[in-house]
Amino acid sequence: MGEDSRLSRSTRQMIVDPAHEVFVSAISLWEVAIKSTRGLLRVDLAQLVEIVRAENFAELPVRFAHTLPLRGLTTIHRDPFDRLLIAQSIAENLRLVTGDKEILAYRGVAGFDPLPL
C-alpha cells in the first residue's frame, strides 16, 4: 500500500500479483482504531479503509471458527490482537505477513506458516 521498504521484494511481488488474493483482517483495523483513540497512533481510519478497498484487498471478518485455534497456542505472545491473527491464519489456512518476532516464534505450530517481511 505504501511501498513499505521493510517488505522483501518477493513478498511485495506476491501482494501485487493479481493471482494472489490478499486479505486484511478486521482485527488489524480494530487494533489501529483502538491505538488511534488512545493517542498511540495517528491515522485516518476511514482513509485506511478506503485504501484497503482501493487496493482490492479482501476483508477478513472475525468468526467463531477463528477462536478455536487459540486453545492450542502457548503464551509466547500475550497480545490478544496478534494471537487472534495467528488463530485466524490457522483457521483460514492463510499466510500471515509479519515482522513481529513474537508472532514468528509460533512458526512450527500446526497450520501456521507465517511469511516474514
Protein backbone atom coordinates (compact mmCIF):
# COMPACT_ATOMS: atom_id res chain seq x y z
CA MET A 1 0.00 0.00 0.00
CA GLY A 2 2.77 2.41 0.80
CA GLU A 3 5.74 0.69 -0.82
CA ASP A 4 6.94 -0.19 2.69
CA SER A 5 10.70 -0.69 2.48
CA ARG A 6 10.51 -3.41 5.14
CA LEU A 7 8.76 -5.74 2.71
CA SER A 8 11.06 -8.10 0.88
CA ARG A 9 10.93 -7.97 -2.88
CA SER A 10 9.36 -11.45 -3.10
CA THR A 11 6.67 -10.60 -0.53
CA ARG A 12 5.84 -7.37 -2.33
CA GLN A 13 5.57 -9.25 -5.63
CA MET A 14 3.19 -11.78 -4.07
CA ILE A 15 1.00 -8.99 -2.72
CA VAL A 16 0.71 -7.15 -6.03
CA ASP A 17 0.27 -10.31 -8.11
CA PRO A 18 -3.42 -10.45 -9.12
CA ALA A 19 -3.24 -14.26 -8.92
CA HIS A 20 -2.98 -13.94 -5.12
CA GLU A 21 -5.93 -12.84 -3.03
CA VAL A 22 -4.73 -10.60 -0.22
CA PHE A 23 -6.79 -10.36 2.96
CA VAL A 24 -6.80 -7.65 5.61
CA SER A 25 -8.16 -8.80 8.92
CA ALA A 26 -10.79 -6.76 10.72
CA ILE A 27 -8.63 -7.41 13.78
CA SER A 28 -5.86 -5.24 12.35
CA LEU A 29 -8.24 -2.34 11.83
CA TRP A 30 -9.69 -2.80 15.33
CA GLU A 31 -6.18 -2.53 16.74
CA VAL A 32 -5.45 0.59 14.66
CA ALA A 33 -8.73 2.17 15.82
CA ILE A 34 -8.02 1.44 19.49
CA LYS A 35 -4.45 2.73 19.31
CA SER A 36 -5.67 5.81 17.46
CA THR A 37 -8.29 6.66 20.09
CA ARG A 38 -5.66 6.24 22.82
CA GLY A 39 -3.34 8.64 21.02
CA LEU A 40 -0.75 5.93 20.34
CA LEU A 41 -1.15 6.15 16.59
CA ARG A 42 -2.16 8.92 14.21
CA VAL A 43 -4.17 7.57 11.33
CA ASP A 44 -7.34 8.44 9.47
CA LEU A 45 -9.21 5.15 9.84
CA ALA A 46 -11.76 5.97 7.12
CA GLN A 47 -8.92 6.74 4.72
CA LEU A 48 -7.17 3.49 5.66
CA VAL A 49 -10.34 1.52 4.91
CA GLU A 50 -10.64 3.27 1.54
CA ILE A 51 -7.02 2.45 0.69
CA VAL A 52 -7.57 -1.21 1.56
CA ARG A 53 -10.64 -1.26 -0.68
CA ALA A 54 -8.88 0.61 -3.50
CA GLU A 55 -6.10 -1.99 -3.43
CA ASN A 56 -8.80 -4.67 -3.86
CA PHE A 57 -7.73 -6.41 -0.67
CA ALA A 58 -10.39 -8.71 0.73
CA GLU A 59 -11.82 -8.07 4.19
CA LEU A 60 -11.34 -10.96 6.60
CA PRO A 61 -14.02 -10.76 9.29
CA VAL A 62 -13.73 -12.43 12.68
CA ARG A 63 -15.74 -15.62 13.04
CA PHE A 64 -16.33 -18.16 15.79
CA ALA A 65 -14.09 -20.66 13.96
CA HIS A 66 -11.18 -18.27 14.35
CA THR A 67 -11.23 -18.66 18.12
CA LEU A 68 -10.78 -22.45 18.10
CA PRO A 69 -7.02 -22.48 17.30
CA LEU A 70 -6.42 -20.16 20.27
CA ARG A 71 -6.68 -23.18 22.59
CA GLY A 72 -3.55 -24.69 21.07
CA LEU A 73 -1.38 -21.58 21.26
CA THR A 74 1.18 -21.31 24.02
CA THR A 75 1.63 -17.91 25.63
CA ILE A 76 4.76 -16.87 23.76
CA HIS A 77 2.86 -13.73 22.80
CA ARG A 78 0.32 -12.14 25.12
CA ASP A 79 -1.07 -9.51 22.72
CA PRO A 80 -4.69 -10.60 22.14
CA PHE A 81 -4.85 -8.99 18.68
CA ASP A 82 -1.75 -10.81 17.48
CA ARG A 83 -2.86 -14.12 18.99
CA LEU A 84 -6.17 -13.83 17.15
CA LEU A 85 -4.36 -13.00 13.89
CA ILE A 86 -2.35 -16.21 14.34
CA ALA A 87 -5.53 -18.18 15.05
CA GLN A 88 -7.25 -16.66 12.01
CA SER A 89 -4.29 -17.60 9.85
CA ILE A 90 -4.51 -21.20 11.06
CA ALA A 91 -8.30 -21.46 10.75
CA GLU A 92 -8.34 -19.98 7.23
CA ASN A 93 -5.13 -21.66 6.05
CA LEU A 94 -3.69 -18.25 5.13
CA ARG A 95 -0.14 -16.95 5.45
CA LEU A 96 0.31 -14.07 7.86
CA VAL A 97 2.83 -11.47 6.69
CA THR A 98 4.62 -10.05 9.71
CA GLY A 99 7.87 -8.70 11.03
CA ASP A 100 6.86 -9.34 14.65
CA LYS A 101 9.44 -11.68 16.18
CA GLU A 102 6.99 -12.92 18.81
CA ILE A 103 4.47 -13.92 16.13
CA LEU A 104 7.23 -15.57 14.10
CA ALA A 105 8.15 -17.59 17.22
CA TYR A 106 4.91 -19.55 16.64
CA ARG A 107 6.37 -20.98 13.43
CA GLY A 108 6.06 -24.73 13.72
CA VAL A 109 2.60 -24.64 15.30
CA ALA A 110 0.41 -26.93 13.22
CA GLY A 111 -1.19 -25.00 10.39
CA PHE A 112 0.77 -21.78 10.98
CA ASP A 113 3.15 -20.76 8.20
CA PRO A 114 3.97 -17.05 8.66
CA LEU A 115 5.71 -15.09 5.96
CA PRO A 116 8.43 -12.76 7.32
CA LEU A 117 8.52 -9.29 5.85
